[in-house]
């Protein structure tokens, strides 16, 4: 896992990611603030899942746990984004959106940003590691998880 970037990757003005009012994703966001990646796992059938749900997708148990996993994976898919999805990104493109697969966590997949040159060659299957970006001075404070290639 890499150190926190010296500057933030995303520009100011984007909506602050916060847990839903029901608190379902709160453990995920709290984990990121502690440089920890938490993914749900069912202790009953050992199925991994992401994004957060109240019950296991496999056995329908409501006894889901948040389990820390190493923020390492591989690129499953990617897209170079040229059209901004928010006004704050208007002068910050292109950027790389990646779908990361975590082989050591049941092959769950999560979306994120790929750091580095936005025109870099991206290879499906390339190994990546997580980079935590903290916004401690924001109200409320929050953290994000980005990805960078390791090879």
C-alpha atoms as a PDB file:
ATOM      1  CA  UNK A   1       0.000   0.000   0.000  1.00  0.00           C
ATOM      2  CA  UNK A   2       1.347   3.406  -0.921  1.00  0.00           C
ATOM      3  CA  UNK A   3       1.646   6.524   1.130  1.00  0.00           C
ATOM      4  CA  UNK A   4      -0.965   9.223   0.831  1.00  0.00           C
ATOM      5  CA  UNK A   5      -0.358  11.465  -2.197  1.00  0.00           C
ATOM      6  CA  UNK A   6       1.137  14.880  -1.366  1.00  0.00           C
ATOM      7  CA  UNK A   7      -1.603  16.628  -3.324  1.00  0.00           C
ATOM      8  CA  UNK A   8      -5.139  15.508  -3.824  1.00  0.00           C
ATOM      9  CA  UNK A   9      -6.057  13.777  -7.039  1.00  0.00           C
ATOM     10  CA  UNK A  10      -9.574  15.168  -7.274  1.00  0.00           C
ATOM     11  CA  UNK A  11     -10.309  18.899  -7.473  1.00  0.00           C
ATOM     12  CA  UNK A  12     -12.271  20.869  -4.902  1.00  0.00           C
ATOM     13  CA  UNK A  13     -15.986  21.300  -5.502  1.00  0.00           C
ATOM     14  CA  UNK A  14     -17.045  17.677  -5.845  1.00  0.00           C
ATOM     15  CA  UNK A  15     -19.760  16.346  -3.525  1.00  0.00           C
ATOM     16  CA  UNK A  16     -18.317  14.883  -0.323  1.00  0.00           C
ATOM     17  CA  UNK A  17     -18.862  11.119  -0.134  1.00  0.00           C
ATOM     18  CA  UNK A  18     -20.729  10.311   3.059  1.00  0.00           C
ATOM     19  CA  UNK A  19     -22.432   7.148   4.301  1.00  0.00           C
ATOM     20  CA  UNK A  20     -26.106   6.756   3.564  1.00  0.00           C
ATOM     21  CA  UNK A  21     -28.525   7.883   6.282  1.00  0.00           C
ATOM     22  CA  UNK A  22     -29.111   4.230   7.201  1.00  0.00           C
ATOM     23  CA  UNK A  23     -25.379   3.771   7.958  1.00  0.00           C
ATOM     24  CA  UNK A  24     -24.951   0.766   5.676  1.00  0.00           C
ATOM     25  CA  UNK A  25     -21.657   1.937   4.132  1.00  0.00           C
ATOM     26  CA  UNK A  26     -20.331   3.723   7.259  1.00  0.00           C
ATOM     27  CA  UNK A  27     -17.774   0.981   8.081  1.00  0.00           C
ATOM     28  CA  UNK A  28     -16.323   1.213   4.567  1.00  0.00           C
ATOM     29  CA  UNK A  29     -15.839   5.007   4.766  1.00  0.00           C
ATOM     30  CA  UNK A  30     -14.516   4.822   8.353  1.00  0.00           C
ATOM     31  CA  UNK A  31     -12.001   2.187   7.277  1.00  0.00           C
ATOM     32  CA  UNK A  32     -10.661   4.385   4.488  1.00  0.00           C
ATOM     33  CA  UNK A  33      -9.980   7.149   7.025  1.00  0.00           C
ATOM     34  CA  UNK A  34      -7.746   4.646   8.875  1.00  0.00           C
ATOM     35  CA  UNK A  35      -5.934   3.467   5.694  1.00  0.00           C
ATOM     36  CA  UNK A  36      -7.928   0.228   5.752  1.00  0.00           C
ATOM     37  CA  UNK A  37      -9.980  -1.345   2.976  1.00  0.00           C
ATOM     38  CA  UNK A  38     -13.025  -3.131   4.386  1.00  0.00           C
ATOM     39  CA  UNK A  39     -15.178  -5.499   2.336  1.00  0.00           C
ATOM     40  CA  UNK A  40     -18.243  -7.432   3.457  1.00  0.00           C
ATOM     41  CA  UNK A  41     -17.971 -11.181   4.067  1.00  0.00           C
ATOM     42  CA  UNK A  42     -20.599 -13.602   5.274  1.00  0.00           C
ATOM     43  CA  UNK A  43     -19.348 -15.718   8.197  1.00  0.00           C
ATOM     44  CA  UNK A  44     -22.053 -18.297   7.491  1.00  0.00           C
ATOM     45  CA  UNK A  45     -21.152 -19.184   3.878  1.00  0.00           C
ATOM     46  CA  UNK A  46     -17.845 -17.227   3.515  1.00  0.00           C
ATOM     47  CA  UNK A  47     -19.083 -15.288   0.455  1.00  0.00           C
ATOM     48  CA  UNK A  48     -17.424 -11.910  -0.209  1.00  0.00           C
ATOM     49  CA  UNK A  49     -19.438  -8.992  -1.591  1.00  0.00           C
ATOM     50  CA  UNK A  50     -19.095  -5.332  -2.507  1.00  0.00           C
ATOM     51  CA  UNK A  51     -20.934  -2.799  -2.499  1.00  0.00           C
ATOM     52  CA  UNK A  52     -22.492  -2.912   0.879  1.00  0.00           C
ATOM     53  CA  UNK A  53     -25.745  -4.803   1.394  1.00  0.00           C
ATOM     54  CA  UNK A  54     -27.790  -5.708   4.460  1.00  0.00           C
ATOM     55  CA  UNK A  55     -27.785  -9.420   3.603  1.00  0.00           C
ATOM     56  CA  UNK A  56     -25.557 -11.993   1.961  1.00  0.00           C
ATOM     57  CA  UNK A  57     -26.151 -12.332  -1.780  1.00  0.00           C
ATOM     58  CA  UNK A  58     -25.503 -16.080  -1.588  1.00  0.00           C
ATOM     59  CA  UNK A  59     -27.207 -17.488   1.525  1.00  0.00           C
ATOM     60  CA  UNK A  60     -29.370 -14.468   2.470  1.00  0.00           C
ATOM     61  CA  UNK A  61     -27.989 -14.323   6.007  1.00  0.00           C
ATOM     62  CA  UNK A  62     -28.278 -10.959   7.752  1.00  0.00           C
ATOM     63  CA  UNK A  63     -25.077 -11.689   9.682  1.00  0.00           C
ATOM     64  CA  UNK A  64     -22.666  -9.842   7.355  1.00  0.00           C
ATOM     65  CA  UNK A  65     -19.251  -8.760   8.666  1.00  0.00           C
ATOM     66  CA  UNK A  66     -16.793  -6.137   7.465  1.00  0.00           C
ATOM     67  CA  UNK A  67     -13.370  -7.715   6.883  1.00  0.00           C
ATOM     68  CA  UNK A  68     -10.111  -5.897   6.233  1.00  0.00           C
ATOM     69  CA  UNK A  69      -8.410  -6.866   2.982  1.00  0.00           C
ATOM     70  CA  UNK A  70      -5.136  -5.799   1.478  1.00  0.00           C
ATOM     71  CA  UNK A  71      -5.717  -2.947  -0.990  1.00  0.00           C
ATOM     72  CA  UNK A  72      -4.191  -4.851  -3.897  1.00  0.00           C
ATOM     73  CA  UNK A  73      -5.835  -6.198  -6.985  1.00  0.00           C
ATOM     74  CA  UNK A  74      -5.768  -6.162 -10.740  1.00  0.00           C
ATOM     75  CA  UNK A  75      -7.426  -4.166 -13.467  1.00  0.00           C
ATOM     76  CA  UNK A  76     -10.533  -5.974 -14.708  1.00  0.00           C
ATOM     77  CA  UNK A  77     -11.775  -3.183 -16.982  1.00  0.00           C
ATOM     78  CA  UNK A  78     -11.133   0.500 -17.569  1.00  0.00           C
ATOM     79  CA  UNK A  79     -12.286   3.626 -19.368  1.00  0.00           C
ATOM     80  CA  UNK A  80     -10.567   6.877 -20.277  1.00  0.00           C
ATOM     81  CA  UNK A  81     -13.143   9.525 -19.388  1.00  0.00           C
ATOM     82  CA  UNK A  82     -13.133  12.599 -21.621  1.00  0.00           C
ATOM     83  CA  UNK A  83     -16.534  14.070 -20.738  1.00  0.00           C
ATOM     84  CA  UNK A  84     -16.708  15.286 -17.128  1.00  0.00           C
ATOM     85  CA  UNK A  85     -19.329  13.732 -14.902  1.00  0.00           C
ATOM     86  CA  UNK A  86     -19.412  16.857 -12.688  1.00  0.00           C
ATOM     87  CA  UNK A  87     -18.755  20.571 -13.298  1.00  0.00           C
ATOM     88  CA  UNK A  88     -15.758  20.494 -10.918  1.00  0.00           C
ATOM     89  CA  UNK A  89     -14.045  18.035 -13.297  1.00  0.00           C
ATOM     90  CA  UNK A  90     -14.491  20.233 -16.377  1.00  0.00           C
ATOM     91  CA  UNK A  91     -10.794  21.214 -16.605  1.00  0.00           C
ATOM     92  CA  UNK A  92      -9.405  17.978 -15.162  1.00  0.00           C
ATOM     93  CA  UNK A  93      -9.813  15.489 -17.971  1.00  0.00           C
ATOM     94  CA  UNK A  94      -9.229  13.079 -19.237  1.00  0.00           C
ATOM     95  CA  UNK A  95      -9.012  10.719 -16.289  1.00  0.00           C
ATOM     96  CA  UNK A  96      -8.932   6.948 -15.939  1.00  0.00           C
ATOM     97  CA  UNK A  97     -11.769   5.054 -14.285  1.00  0.00           C
ATOM     98  CA  UNK A  98     -10.898   1.451 -13.486  1.00  0.00           C
ATOM     99  CA  UNK A  99     -12.789  -1.604 -12.307  1.00  0.00           C
ATOM    100  CA  UNK A 100     -10.480  -3.391  -9.880  1.00  0.00           C
ATOM    101  CA  UNK A 101     -10.855  -7.074  -9.013  1.00  0.00           C
ATOM    102  CA  UNK A 102      -9.659  -8.266  -5.605  1.00  0.00           C
ATOM    103  CA  UNK A 103      -8.650 -11.927  -6.156  1.00  0.00           C
ATOM    104  CA  UNK A 104      -7.928 -12.447  -2.441  1.00  0.00           C
ATOM    105  CA  UNK A 105     -11.446 -11.259  -1.519  1.00  0.00           C
ATOM    106  CA  UNK A 106     -13.648 -13.560  -3.562  1.00  0.00           C
ATOM    107  CA  UNK A 107     -12.940 -11.647  -6.787  1.00  0.00           C
ATOM    108  CA  UNK A 108     -15.204  -8.747  -5.767  1.00  0.00           C
ATOM    109  CA  UNK A 109     -14.823  -5.682  -7.943  1.00  0.00           C
ATOM    110  CA  UNK A 110     -14.812  -1.996  -7.147  1.00  0.00           C
ATOM    111  CA  UNK A 111     -14.587   1.175  -9.225  1.00  0.00           C
ATOM    112  CA  UNK A 112     -11.881   3.756  -8.686  1.00  0.00           C
ATOM    113  CA  UNK A 113      -9.494   6.198 -10.316  1.00  0.00           C
ATOM    114  CA  UNK A 114      -6.159   5.083 -11.767  1.00  0.00           C
ATOM    115  CA  UNK A 115      -3.402   7.515 -10.787  1.00  0.00           C
ATOM    116  CA  UNK A 116      -0.678   8.659 -13.137  1.00  0.00           C
ATOM    117  CA  UNK A 117      -0.668   9.940 -16.687  1.00  0.00           C
ATOM    118  CA  UNK A 118      -4.266   9.892 -17.944  1.00  0.00           C
ATOM    119  CA  UNK A 119      -2.933   8.946 -21.402  1.00  0.00           C
ATOM    120  CA  UNK A 120      -0.911   5.994 -20.122  1.00  0.00           C
ATOM    121  CA  UNK A 121      -1.369   2.562 -21.644  1.00  0.00           C
ATOM    122  CA  UNK A 122      -3.715   0.557 -19.429  1.00  0.00           C
ATOM    123  CA  UNK A 123      -3.478  -3.231 -19.438  1.00  0.00           C
ATOM    124  CA  UNK A 124      -6.283  -5.550 -18.361  1.00  0.00           C
ATOM    125  CA  UNK A 125      -4.876  -7.793 -15.623  1.00  0.00           C
ATOM    126  CA  UNK A 126      -2.212  -5.300 -14.501  1.00  0.00           C
ATOM    127  CA  UNK A 127      -1.480  -5.398 -10.778  1.00  0.00           C
ATOM    128  CA  UNK A 128      -2.514  -2.348  -8.755  1.00  0.00           C
ATOM    129  CA  UNK A 129      -2.261  -1.153  -5.183  1.00  0.00           C
ATOM    130  CA  UNK A 130      -4.462   1.222  -3.264  1.00  0.00           C
ATOM    131  CA  UNK A 131      -3.523   4.805  -2.456  1.00  0.00           C
ATOM    132  CA  UNK A 132      -5.518   6.539   0.267  1.00  0.00           C
ATOM    133  CA  UNK A 133      -6.335  10.219  -0.204  1.00  0.00           C
ATOM    134  CA  UNK A 134      -7.377  11.983   3.002  1.00  0.00           C
ATOM    135  CA  UNK A 135      -9.410  15.158   3.311  1.00  0.00           C
ATOM    136  CA  UNK A 136      -9.151  15.698   7.064  1.00  0.00           C
ATOM    137  CA  UNK A 137      -9.797  19.465   6.898  1.00  0.00           C
ATOM    138  CA  UNK A 138     -13.091  18.982   5.078  1.00  0.00           C
ATOM    139  CA  UNK A 139     -16.414  19.101   6.927  1.00  0.00           C
ATOM    140  CA  UNK A 140     -17.163  16.289   7.304  1.00  0.00           C
ATOM    141  CA  UNK A 141     -13.711  14.759   6.864  1.00  0.00           C
ATOM    142  CA  UNK A 142     -13.459  11.886   4.406  1.00  0.00           C
ATOM    143  CA  UNK A 143     -10.991   9.655   2.598  1.00  0.00           C
ATOM    144  CA  UNK A 144     -10.910   8.121  -0.854  1.00  0.00           C
ATOM    145  CA  UNK A 145      -9.202   5.058  -2.316  1.00  0.00           C
ATOM    146  CA  UNK A 146      -7.437   5.412  -5.666  1.00  0.00           C
ATOM    147  CA  UNK A 147      -5.297   2.860  -7.507  1.00  0.00           C
ATOM    148  CA  UNK A 148      -1.865   2.826  -9.088  1.00  0.00           C
ATOM    149  CA  UNK A 149      -0.072   0.167 -11.095  1.00  0.00           C
ATOM    150  CA  UNK A 150       2.703  -1.733  -9.349  1.00  0.00           C
ATOM    151  CA  UNK A 151       4.805  -2.876 -12.270  1.00  0.00           C
END
